[in-house]
Amino acid sequence: RVSASNLSDANVVSGRGVAWSNVHRPESCPQTAAIADVEVNKKTGKVT
């Protein structure tokens, strides 16, 4: 789905993001990819 396409007015919202990399010296380091699931409390500003 397109990011930020399911926004909510709730105080606590959740989302997921992706990133990947072979930035650091690919001749000696691996390829990596990650997905993160987060929760954001809009009132407190805390990201979990």
All heavy atoms as atom14 arrays in JSON, in Angstrom:
{
  "sequence": "RVSASNLSDANVVSGRGVAWSNVHRPESCPQTAAIADVEVNKKTGKVT",
  "atom14_mask": [
    [1, 1, 1, 1, 1, 1, 1, 1, 1, 1, 1, 0, 0, 0],
    [1, 1, 1, 1, 1, 1, 1, 0, 0, 0, 0, 0, 0, 0],
    [1, 1, 1, 1, 1, 1, 0, 0, 0, 0, 0, 0, 0, 0],
    [1, 1, 1, 1, 1, 0, 0, 0, 0, 0, 0, 0, 0, 0],
    [1, 1, 1, 1, 1, 1, 0, 0, 0, 0, 0, 0, 0, 0],
    [1, 1, 1, 1, 1, 1, 1, 1, 0, 0, 0, 0, 0, 0],
    [1, 1, 1, 1, 1, 1, 1, 1, 0, 0, 0, 0, 0, 0],
    [1, 1, 1, 1, 1, 1, 0, 0, 0, 0, 0, 0, 0, 0],
    [1, 1, 1, 1, 1, 1, 1, 1, 0, 0, 0, 0, 0, 0],
    [1, 1, 1, 1, 1, 0, 0, 0, 0, 0, 0, 0, 0, 0],
    [1, 1, 1, 1, 1, 1, 1, 1, 0, 0, 0, 0, 0, 0],
    [1, 1, 1, 1, 1, 1, 1, 0, 0, 0, 0, 0, 0, 0],
    [1, 1, 1, 1, 1, 1, 1, 0, 0, 0, 0, 0, 0, 0],
    [1, 1, 1, 1, 1, 1, 0, 0, 0, 0, 0, 0, 0, 0],
    [1, 1, 1, 1, 0, 0, 0, 0, 0, 0, 0, 0, 0, 0],
    [1, 1, 1, 1, 1, 1, 1, 1, 1, 1, 1, 0, 0, 0],
    [1, 1, 1, 1, 0, 0, 0, 0, 0, 0, 0, 0, 0, 0],
    [1, 1, 1, 1, 1, 1, 1, 0, 0, 0, 0, 0, 0, 0],
    [1, 1, 1, 1, 1, 0, 0, 0, 0, 0, 0, 0, 0, 0],
    [1, 1, 1, 1, 1, 1, 1, 1, 1, 1, 1, 1, 1, 1],
    [1, 1, 1, 1, 1, 1, 0, 0, 0, 0, 0, 0, 0, 0],
    [1, 1, 1, 1, 1, 1, 1, 1, 0, 0, 0, 0, 0, 0],
    [1, 1, 1, 1, 1, 1, 1, 0, 0, 0, 0, 0, 0, 0],
    [1, 1, 1, 1, 1, 1, 1, 1, 1, 1, 0, 0, 0, 0],
    [1, 1, 1, 1, 1, 1, 1, 1, 1, 1, 1, 0, 0, 0],
    [1, 1, 1, 1, 1, 1, 1, 0, 0, 0, 0, 0, 0, 0],
    [1, 1, 1, 1, 1, 1, 1, 1, 1, 0, 0, 0, 0, 0],
    [1, 1, 1, 1, 1, 1, 0, 0, 0, 0, 0, 0, 0, 0],
    [1, 1, 1, 1, 1, 1, 0, 0, 0, 0, 0, 0, 0, 0],
    [1, 1, 1, 1, 1, 1, 1, 0, 0, 0, 0, 0, 0, 0],
    [1, 1, 1, 1, 1, 1, 1, 1, 1, 0, 0, 0, 0, 0],
    [1, 1, 1, 1, 1, 1, 1, 0, 0, 0, 0, 0, 0, 0],
    [1, 1, 1, 1, 1, 0, 0, 0, 0, 0, 0, 0, 0, 0],
    [1, 1, 1, 1, 1, 0, 0, 0, 0, 0, 0, 0, 0, 0],
    [1, 1, 1, 1, 1, 1, 1, 1, 0, 0, 0, 0, 0, 0],
    [1, 1, 1, 1, 1, 0, 0, 0, 0, 0, 0, 0, 0, 0],
    [1, 1, 1, 1, 1, 1, 1, 1, 0, 0, 0, 0, 0, 0],
    [1, 1, 1, 1, 1, 1, 1, 0, 0, 0, 0, 0, 0, 0],
    [1, 1, 1, 1, 1, 1, 1, 1, 1, 0, 0, 0, 0, 0],
    [1, 1, 1, 1, 1, 1, 1, 0, 0, 0, 0, 0, 0, 0],
    [1, 1, 1, 1, 1, 1, 1, 1, 0, 0, 0, 0, 0, 0],
    [1, 1, 1, 1, 1, 1, 1, 1, 1, 0, 0, 0, 0, 0],
    [1, 1, 1, 1, 1, 1, 1, 1, 1, 0, 0, 0, 0, 0],
    [1, 1, 1, 1, 1, 1, 1, 0, 0, 0, 0, 0, 0, 0],
    [1, 1, 1, 1, 0, 0, 0, 0, 0, 0, 0, 0, 0, 0],
    [1, 1, 1, 1, 1, 1, 1, 1, 1, 0, 0, 0, 0, 0],
    [1, 1, 1, 1, 1, 1, 1, 0, 0, 0, 0, 0, 0, 0],
    [1, 1, 1, 1, 1, 1, 1, 0, 0, 0, 0, 0, 0, 0]
  ],
  "atom14_positions": [
    [[0.86, -1.19, 0.0], [0.0, 0.0, 0.0], [0.89, 1.23, 0.0], [2.08, 1.15, 0.31], [-0.94, 0.03, 1.21], [-0.24, 0.09, 2.56], [-1.26, 0.12, 3.7], [-0.63, 0.03, 5.0], [-0.11, 1.07, 5.66], [-0.13, 2.27, 5.1], [0.44, 0.91, 6.85], [0.0, 0.0, 0.0], [0.0, 0.0, 0.0], [0.0, 0.0, 0.0]],
    [[0.32, 2.36, -0.31], [1.05, 3.62, -0.27], [1.22, 4.05, 1.19], [0.27, 3.95, 1.98], [0.29, 4.72, -1.06], [1.03, 6.05, -0.98], [0.11, 4.28, -2.51], [0.0, 0.0, 0.0], [0.0, 0.0, 0.0], [0.0, 0.0, 0.0], [0.0, 0.0, 0.0], [0.0, 0.0, 0.0], [0.0, 0.0, 0.0], [0.0, 0.0, 0.0]],
    [[2.41, 4.49, 1.56], [2.65, 4.93, 2.93], [1.72, 6.08, 3.3], [1.34, 6.9, 2.46], [4.1, 5.38, 3.11], [4.97, 4.28, 3.05], [0.0, 0.0, 0.0], [0.0, 0.0, 0.0], [0.0, 0.0, 0.0], [0.0, 0.0, 0.0], [0.0, 0.0, 0.0], [0.0, 0.0, 0.0], [0.0, 0.0, 0.0], [0.0, 0.0, 0.0]],
    [[1.36, 6.13, 4.58], [0.51, 7.19, 5.13], [-0.85, 7.26, 4.44], [-1.47, 8.32, 4.37], [1.22, 8.55, 5.07], [0.0, 0.0, 0.0], [0.0, 0.0, 0.0], [0.0, 0.0, 0.0], [0.0, 0.0, 0.0], [0.0, 0.0, 0.0], [0.0, 0.0, 0.0], [0.0, 0.0, 0.0], [0.0, 0.0, 0.0], [0.0, 0.0, 0.0]],
    [[-1.33, 6.13, 3.93], [-2.62, 6.1, 3.26], [-3.74, 5.62, 4.17], [-4.89, 5.48, 3.75], [-2.55, 5.2, 2.02], [-2.2, 3.87, 2.37], [0.0, 0.0, 0.0], [0.0, 0.0, 0.0], [0.0, 0.0, 0.0], [0.0, 0.0, 0.0], [0.0, 0.0, 0.0], [0.0, 0.0, 0.0], [0.0, 0.0, 0.0], [0.0, 0.0, 0.0]],
    [[-3.4, 5.36, 5.43], [-4.4, 4.88, 6.38], [-4.26, 5.65, 7.69], [-4.19, 5.06, 8.77], [-4.23, 3.37, 6.61], [-5.37, 2.76, 7.37], [-6.5, 3.27, 7.34], [-5.09, 1.68, 8.1], [0.0, 0.0, 0.0], [0.0, 0.0, 0.0], [0.0, 0.0, 0.0], [0.0, 0.0, 0.0], [0.0, 0.0, 0.0], [0.0, 0.0, 0.0]],
    [[-4.24, 6.97, 7.6], [-4.03, 7.81, 8.77], [-5.26, 7.81, 9.67], [-6.39, 7.62, 9.21], [-3.68, 9.24, 8.34], [-2.39, 9.39, 7.53], [-2.19, 10.84, 7.11], [-1.18, 8.89, 8.31], [0.0, 0.0, 0.0], [0.0, 0.0, 0.0], [0.0, 0.0, 0.0], [0.0, 0.0, 0.0], [0.0, 0.0, 0.0], [0.0, 0.0, 0.0]],
    [[-5.02, 8.04, 10.96], [-6.09, 8.0, 11.94], [-6.03, 9.23, 12.83], [-4.95, 9.78, 13.07], [-5.95, 6.73, 12.8], [-6.79, 6.78, 13.93], [0.0, 0.0, 0.0], [0.0, 0.0, 0.0], [0.0, 0.0, 0.0], [0.0, 0.0, 0.0], [0.0, 0.0, 0.0], [0.0, 0.0, 0.0], [0.0, 0.0, 0.0], [0.0, 0.0, 0.0]],
    [[-7.19, 9.64, 13.34], [-7.26, 10.75, 14.29], [-7.04, 10.29, 15.72], [-7.09, 11.1, 16.65], [-8.63, 11.44, 14.19], [-8.81, 12.17, 12.87], [-7.79, 12.62, 12.31], [-9.96, 12.29, 12.41], [0.0, 0.0, 0.0], [0.0, 0.0, 0.0], [0.0, 0.0, 0.0], [0.0, 0.0, 0.0], [0.0, 0.0, 0.0], [0.0, 0.0, 0.0]],
    [[-6.81, 9.01, 15.91], [-6.61, 8.47, 17.25], [-5.37, 9.09, 17.9], [-4.46, 9.57, 17.22], [-6.48, 6.96, 17.19], [0.0, 0.0, 0.0], [0.0, 0.0, 0.0], [0.0, 0.0, 0.0], [0.0, 0.0, 0.0], [0.0, 0.0, 0.0], [0.0, 0.0, 0.0], [0.0, 0.0, 0.0], [0.0, 0.0, 0.0], [0.0, 0.0, 0.0]],
    [[-5.31, 9.04, 19.22], [-4.17, 9.59, 19.94], [-2.93, 8.72, 19.76], [-1.81, 9.21, 19.66], [-4.51, 9.71, 21.43], [-3.38, 10.35, 22.22], [-2.89, 11.42, 21.85], [-2.95, 9.7, 23.29], [0.0, 0.0, 0.0], [0.0, 0.0, 0.0], [0.0, 0.0, 0.0], [0.0, 0.0, 0.0], [0.0, 0.0, 0.0], [0.0, 0.0, 0.0]],
    [[-3.13, 7.4, 19.72], [-2.03, 6.46, 19.51], [-2.21, 5.81, 18.15], [-3.24, 5.19, 17.89], [-1.97, 5.4, 20.62], [-0.84, 4.41, 20.35], [-1.79, 6.05, 21.99], [0.0, 0.0, 0.0], [0.0, 0.0, 0.0], [0.0, 0.0, 0.0], [0.0, 0.0, 0.0], [0.0, 0.0, 0.0], [0.0, 0.0, 0.0], [0.0, 0.0, 0.0]],
    [[-1.21, 5.98, 17.29], [-1.3, 5.46, 15.92], [-0.11, 4.55, 15.63], [0.93, 4.63, 16.29], [-1.34, 6.61, 14.89], [-2.63, 7.4, 15.02], [-0.14, 7.55, 15.06], [0.0, 0.0, 0.0], [0.0, 0.0, 0.0], [0.0, 0.0, 0.0], [0.0, 0.0, 0.0], [0.0, 0.0, 0.0], [0.0, 0.0, 0.0], [0.0, 0.0, 0.0]],
    [[-0.26, 3.71, 14.65], [0.8, 2.77, 14.32], [1.13, 2.84, 12.84], [0.32, 3.28, 12.02], [0.39, 1.34, 14.69], [-0.78, 0.95, 13.99], [0.0, 0.0, 0.0], [0.0, 0.0, 0.0], [0.0, 0.0, 0.0], [0.0, 0.0, 0.0], [0.0, 0.0, 0.0], [0.0, 0.0, 0.0], [0.0, 0.0, 0.0], [0.0, 0.0, 0.0]],
    [[2.34, 2.41, 12.51], [2.78, 2.41, 11.12], [3.94, 1.46, 10.94], [4.55, 1.0, 11.91], [0.0, 0.0, 0.0], [0.0, 0.0, 0.0], [0.0, 0.0, 0.0], [0.0, 0.0, 0.0], [0.0, 0.0, 0.0], [0.0, 0.0, 0.0], [0.0, 0.0, 0.0], [0.0, 0.0, 0.0], [0.0, 0.0, 0.0], [0.0, 0.0, 0.0]],
    [[4.28, 1.19, 9.69], [5.45, 0.36, 9.42], [6.24, 0.95, 8.25], [5.69, 1.59, 7.35], [5.08, -1.1, 9.16], [4.18, -1.41, 8.02], [3.87, -2.91, 7.84], [4.37, -3.8, 8.86], [4.42, -5.14, 8.72], [4.01, -5.72, 7.6], [4.88, -5.89, 9.68], [0.0, 0.0, 0.0], [0.0, 0.0, 0.0], [0.0, 0.0, 0.0]],
    [[7.54, 0.76, 8.34], [8.42, 1.32, 7.32], [9.49, 0.33, 6.93], [9.82, -0.6, 7.67], [0.0, 0.0, 0.0], [0.0, 0.0, 0.0], [0.0, 0.0, 0.0], [0.0, 0.0, 0.0], [0.0, 0.0, 0.0], [0.0, 0.0, 0.0], [0.0, 0.0, 0.0], [0.0, 0.0, 0.0], [0.0, 0.0, 0.0], [0.0, 0.0, 0.0]],
    [[10.08, 0.55, 5.76], [11.09, -0.34, 5.22], [12.33, 0.45, 4.85], [12.26, 1.63, 4.52], [10.53, -1.1, 3.98], [10.2, -0.12, 2.86], [11.51, -2.17, 3.5], [0.0, 0.0, 0.0], [0.0, 0.0, 0.0], [0.0, 0.0, 0.0], [0.0, 0.0, 0.0], [0.0, 0.0, 0.0], [0.0, 0.0, 0.0], [0.0, 0.0, 0.0]],
    [[13.47, -0.2, 4.93], [14.74, 0.36, 4.44], [15.65, -0.81, 4.1], [15.5, -1.91, 4.63], [15.39, 1.26, 5.49], [0.0, 0.0, 0.0], [0.0, 0.0, 0.0], [0.0, 0.0, 0.0], [0.0, 0.0, 0.0], [0.0, 0.0, 0.0], [0.0, 0.0, 0.0], [0.0, 0.0, 0.0], [0.0, 0.0, 0.0], [0.0, 0.0, 0.0]],
    [[16.6, -0.56, 3.22], [17.6, -1.58, 2.93], [18.92, -0.91, 2.65], [19.01, 0.32, 2.54], [17.16, -2.51, 1.79], [17.0, -1.89, 0.42], [17.09, -0.58, 0.08], [16.7, -2.6, -0.79], [16.86, -0.41, -1.27], [16.62, -1.64, -1.83], [16.5, -3.93, -1.1], [16.34, -1.97, -3.15], [16.22, -4.27, -2.43], [16.15, -3.31, -3.43]],
    [[19.98, -1.72, 2.55], [21.29, -1.1, 2.36], [22.35, -2.11, 1.94], [22.32, -3.27, 2.36], [21.76, -0.42, 3.66], [22.99, 0.22, 3.46], [0.0, 0.0, 0.0], [0.0, 0.0, 0.0], [0.0, 0.0, 0.0], [0.0, 0.0, 0.0], [0.0, 0.0, 0.0], [0.0, 0.0, 0.0], [0.0, 0.0, 0.0], [0.0, 0.0, 0.0]],
    [[23.27, -1.65, 1.11], [24.59, -2.26, 0.98], [25.61, -1.12, 0.93], [26.58, -1.15, 0.19], [24.69, -3.17, -0.25], [24.55, -2.42, -1.57], [23.97, -1.34, -1.62], [25.07, -2.99, -2.63], [0.0, 0.0, 0.0], [0.0, 0.0, 0.0], [0.0, 0.0, 0.0], [0.0, 0.0, 0.0], [0.0, 0.0, 0.0], [0.0, 0.0, 0.0]],
    [[25.35, -0.1, 1.76], [26.16, 1.11, 1.76], [27.58, 0.85, 2.23], [28.54, 1.4, 1.7], [25.49, 2.2, 2.64], [26.44, 3.35, 2.91], [24.22, 2.71, 1.97], [0.0, 0.0, 0.0], [0.0, 0.0, 0.0], [0.0, 0.0, 0.0], [0.0, 0.0, 0.0], [0.0, 0.0, 0.0], [0.0, 0.0, 0.0], [0.0, 0.0, 0.0]],
    [[27.73, 0.02, 3.25], [29.05, -0.08, 3.89], [29.89, -1.22, 3.32], [29.65, -2.38, 3.58], [28.88, -0.28, 5.4], [30.19, -0.4, 6.13], [31.07, 0.66, 6.23], [30.76, -1.43, 6.77], [32.13, 0.26, 6.92], [31.97, -1.0, 7.25], [0.0, 0.0, 0.0], [0.0, 0.0, 0.0], [0.0, 0.0, 0.0], [0.0, 0.0, 0.0]],
    [[30.86, -0.88, 2.5], [31.88, -1.8, 2.02], [31.32, -3.15, 1.59], [31.49, -4.16, 2.26], [32.93, -2.01, 3.12], [33.69, -0.73, 3.43], [34.67, -0.93, 4.56], [35.33, 0.34, 4.89], [36.11, 0.53, 5.94], [36.35, -0.46, 6.77], [36.67, 1.7, 6.17], [0.0, 0.0, 0.0], [0.0, 0.0, 0.0], [0.0, 0.0, 0.0]],
    [[30.65, -3.2, 0.47], [30.0, -4.44, 0.05], [30.96, -5.58, -0.22], [30.56, -6.73, -0.27], [29.25, -4.02, -1.22], [30.01, -2.85, -1.73], [30.48, -2.11, -0.51], [0.0, 0.0, 0.0], [0.0, 0.0, 0.0], [0.0, 0.0, 0.0], [0.0, 0.0, 0.0], [0.0, 0.0, 0.0], [0.0, 0.0, 0.0], [0.0, 0.0, 0.0]],
    [[32.25, -5.25, -0.41], [33.2, -6.33, -0.64], [33.46, -7.13, 0.64], [33.98, -8.24, 0.58], [34.52, -5.77, -1.19], [35.42, -5.07, -0.18], [35.0, -3.64, 0.11], [33.95, -3.21, -0.39], [35.74, -2.94, 0.83], [0.0, 0.0, 0.0], [0.0, 0.0, 0.0], [0.0, 0.0, 0.0], [0.0, 0.0, 0.0], [0.0, 0.0, 0.0]],
    [[33.09, -6.58, 1.79], [33.33, -7.31, 3.04], [32.13, -7.33, 3.97], [32.21, -7.89, 5.05], [34.51, -6.67, 3.79], [34.25, -5.3, 4.08], [0.0, 0.0, 0.0], [0.0, 0.0, 0.0], [0.0, 0.0, 0.0], [0.0, 0.0, 0.0], [0.0, 0.0, 0.0], [0.0, 0.0, 0.0], [0.0, 0.0, 0.0], [0.0, 0.0, 0.0]],
    [[31.02, -6.74, 3.56], [29.83, -6.68, 4.4], [28.61, -7.15, 3.63], [28.59, -7.14, 2.41], [29.61, -5.24, 4.91], [30.79, -4.75, 6.18], [0.0, 0.0, 0.0], [0.0, 0.0, 0.0], [0.0, 0.0, 0.0], [0.0, 0.0, 0.0], [0.0, 0.0, 0.0], [0.0, 0.0, 0.0], [0.0, 0.0, 0.0], [0.0, 0.0, 0.0]],
    [[27.56, -7.53, 4.35], [26.4, -8.16, 3.7], [25.38, -7.15, 3.19], [25.47, -5.95, 3.44], [25.79, -8.97, 4.85], [26.1, -8.14, 6.07], [27.47, -7.55, 5.81], [0.0, 0.0, 0.0], [0.0, 0.0, 0.0], [0.0, 0.0, 0.0], [0.0, 0.0, 0.0], [0.0, 0.0, 0.0], [0.0, 0.0, 0.0], [0.0, 0.0, 0.0]],
    [[24.4, -7.68, 2.47], [23.23, -6.9, 2.06], [22.18, -7.06, 3.16], [22.02, -8.14, 3.73], [22.67, -7.41, 0.74], [23.7, -7.83, -0.29], [24.75, -6.78, -0.55], [24.43, -5.64, -0.8], [26.01, -7.17, -0.48], [0.0, 0.0, 0.0], [0.0, 0.0, 0.0], [0.0, 0.0, 0.0], [0.0, 0.0, 0.0], [0.0, 0.0, 0.0]],
    [[21.44, -5.99, 3.45], [20.47, -6.04, 4.53], [19.18, -5.35, 4.12], [19.17, -4.43, 3.3], [21.01, -5.34, 5.8], [21.48, -4.05, 5.44], [22.13, -6.13, 6.43], [0.0, 0.0, 0.0], [0.0, 0.0, 0.0], [0.0, 0.0, 0.0], [0.0, 0.0, 0.0], [0.0, 0.0, 0.0], [0.0, 0.0, 0.0], [0.0, 0.0, 0.0]],
    [[18.08, -5.77, 4.74], [16.79, -5.11, 4.58], [16.05, -5.23, 5.91], [16.18, -6.23, 6.61], [15.98, -5.75, 3.46], [0.0, 0.0, 0.0], [0.0, 0.0, 0.0], [0.0, 0.0, 0.0], [0.0, 0.0, 0.0], [0.0, 0.0, 0.0], [0.0, 0.0, 0.0], [0.0, 0.0, 0.0], [0.0, 0.0, 0.0], [0.0, 0.0, 0.0]],
    [[15.27, -4.2, 6.25], [14.57, -4.2, 7.54], [13.19, -3.59, 7.39], [12.97, -2.67, 6.58], [15.37, -3.44, 8.59], [0.0, 0.0, 0.0], [0.0, 0.0, 0.0], [0.0, 0.0, 0.0], [0.0, 0.0, 0.0], [0.0, 0.0, 0.0], [0.0, 0.0, 0.0], [0.0, 0.0, 0.0], [0.0, 0.0, 0.0], [0.0, 0.0, 0.0]],
    [[12.26, -4.09, 8.19], [10.92, -3.52, 8.33], [10.69, -3.24, 9.8], [10.96, -4.11, 10.65], [9.85, -4.48, 7.78], [9.96, -4.57, 6.25], [8.45, -4.03, 8.18], [9.08, -5.63, 5.62], [0.0, 0.0, 0.0], [0.0, 0.0, 0.0], [0.0, 0.0, 0.0], [0.0, 0.0, 0.0], [0.0, 0.0, 0.0], [0.0, 0.0, 0.0]],
    [[10.23, -2.04, 10.11], [9.98, -1.64, 11.49], [8.5, -1.35, 11.69], [7.88, -0.67, 10.86], [10.81, -0.41, 11.85], [0.0, 0.0, 0.0], [0.0, 0.0, 0.0], [0.0, 0.0, 0.0], [0.0, 0.0, 0.0], [0.0, 0.0, 0.0], [0.0, 0.0, 0.0], [0.0, 0.0, 0.0], [0.0, 0.0, 0.0], [0.0, 0.0, 0.0]],
    [[7.96, -1.85, 12.78], [6.6, -1.54, 13.2], [6.67, -0.62, 14.41], [7.32, -0.97, 15.41], [5.83, -2.81, 13.58], [5.51, -3.68, 12.38], [5.32, -3.12, 11.29], [5.46, -4.91, 12.53], [0.0, 0.0, 0.0], [0.0, 0.0, 0.0], [0.0, 0.0, 0.0], [0.0, 0.0, 0.0], [0.0, 0.0, 0.0], [0.0, 0.0, 0.0]],
    [[6.04, 0.56, 14.32], [6.13, 1.52, 15.4], [4.75, 1.95, 15.87], [3.75, 1.79, 15.17], [6.94, 2.78, 14.99], [8.28, 2.41, 14.4], [6.13, 3.65, 14.03], [0.0, 0.0, 0.0], [0.0, 0.0, 0.0], [0.0, 0.0, 0.0], [0.0, 0.0, 0.0], [0.0, 0.0, 0.0], [0.0, 0.0, 0.0], [0.0, 0.0, 0.0]],
    [[4.75, 2.5, 17.06], [3.55, 3.1, 17.66], [3.91, 4.5, 18.11], [4.96, 4.71, 18.74], [3.11, 2.24, 18.84], [1.73, 2.53, 19.36], [1.34, 1.52, 20.43], [1.75, 1.7, 21.59], [0.63, 0.54, 20.09], [0.0, 0.0, 0.0], [0.0, 0.0, 0.0], [0.0, 0.0, 0.0], [0.0, 0.0, 0.0], [0.0, 0.0, 0.0]],
    [[3.08, 5.48, 17.78], [3.35, 6.88, 18.11], [2.2, 7.41, 18.98], [1.04, 7.33, 18.59], [3.47, 7.75, 16.85], [3.78, 9.2, 17.23], [4.55, 7.2, 15.92], [0.0, 0.0, 0.0], [0.0, 0.0, 0.0], [0.0, 0.0, 0.0], [0.0, 0.0, 0.0], [0.0, 0.0, 0.0], [0.0, 0.0, 0.0], [0.0, 0.0, 0.0]],
    [[2.57, 7.93, 20.15], [1.61, 8.6, 21.01], [1.66, 10.09, 20.68], [2.64, 10.76, 21.02], [1.93, 8.34, 22.49], [0.86, 8.87, 23.42], [0.39, 10.0, 23.29], [0.46, 8.05, 24.38], [0.0, 0.0, 0.0], [0.0, 0.0, 0.0], [0.0, 0.0, 0.0], [0.0, 0.0, 0.0], [0.0, 0.0, 0.0], [0.0, 0.0, 0.0]],
    [[0.65, 10.6, 20.02], [0.68, 11.99, 19.58], [0.69, 12.97, 20.75], [1.27, 14.06, 20.65], [-0.53, 12.29, 18.69], [-0.58, 11.5, 17.39], [-1.87, 11.83, 16.64], [-2.03, 11.0, 15.4], [-3.31, 11.29, 14.71], [0.0, 0.0, 0.0], [0.0, 0.0, 0.0], [0.0, 0.0, 0.0], [0.0, 0.0, 0.0], [0.0, 0.0, 0.0]],
    [[0.07, 12.6, 21.85], [-0.01, 13.5, 22.99], [1.33, 13.63, 23.71], [1.77, 14.73, 24.03], [-1.07, 13.0, 23.97], [-1.28, 13.92, 25.17], [-2.41, 13.41, 26.05], [-2.62, 14.34, 27.25], [-3.74, 13.86, 28.12], [0.0, 0.0, 0.0], [0.0, 0.0, 0.0], [0.0, 0.0, 0.0], [0.0, 0.0, 0.0], [0.0, 0.0, 0.0]],
    [[2.0, 12.51, 23.94], [3.27, 12.54, 24.67], [4.47, 12.68, 23.75], [5.55, 13.08, 24.19], [3.45, 11.25, 25.49], [3.57, 10.13, 24.59], [2.27, 11.04, 26.43], [0.0, 0.0, 0.0], [0.0, 0.0, 0.0], [0.0, 0.0, 0.0], [0.0, 0.0, 0.0], [0.0, 0.0, 0.0], [0.0, 0.0, 0.0], [0.0, 0.0, 0.0]],
    [[4.31, 12.33, 22.48], [5.43, 12.36, 21.54], [6.31, 11.14, 21.61], [7.34, 11.07, 20.93], [0.0, 0.0, 0.0], [0.0, 0.0, 0.0], [0.0, 0.0, 0.0], [0.0, 0.0, 0.0], [0.0, 0.0, 0.0], [0.0, 0.0, 0.0], [0.0, 0.0, 0.0], [0.0, 0.0, 0.0], [0.0, 0.0, 0.0], [0.0, 0.0, 0.0]],
    [[5.94, 10.16, 22.4], [6.76, 8.97, 22.55], [6.59, 8.04, 21.35], [5.47, 7.72, 20.96], [6.41, 8.22, 23.84], [7.25, 6.96, 24.08], [6.89, 6.3, 25.39], [7.63, 4.98, 25.6], [9.09, 5.15, 25.64], [0.0, 0.0, 0.0], [0.0, 0.0, 0.0], [0.0, 0.0, 0.0], [0.0, 0.0, 0.0], [0.0, 0.0, 0.0]],
    [[7.71, 7.61, 20.8], [7.73, 6.63, 19.72], [8.18, 5.29, 20.31], [9.24, 5.21, 20.93], [8.67, 7.05, 18.58], [8.67, 6.0, 17.47], [8.28, 8.41, 18.03], [0.0, 0.0, 0.0], [0.0, 0.0, 0.0], [0.0, 0.0, 0.0], [0.0, 0.0, 0.0], [0.0, 0.0, 0.0], [0.0, 0.0, 0.0], [0.0, 0.0, 0.0]],
    [[7.39, 4.28, 20.12], [7.73, 2.94, 20.59], [7.89, 2.02, 19.39], [6.98, 1.9, 18.57], [6.63, 2.38, 21.52], [6.43, 3.28, 22.61], [7.02, 1.01, 22.05], [0.0, 0.0, 0.0], [0.0, 0.0, 0.0], [0.0, 0.0, 0.0], [0.0, 0.0, 0.0], [0.0, 0.0, 0.0], [0.0, 0.0, 0.0], [0.0, 0.0, 0.0]]
  ]
}
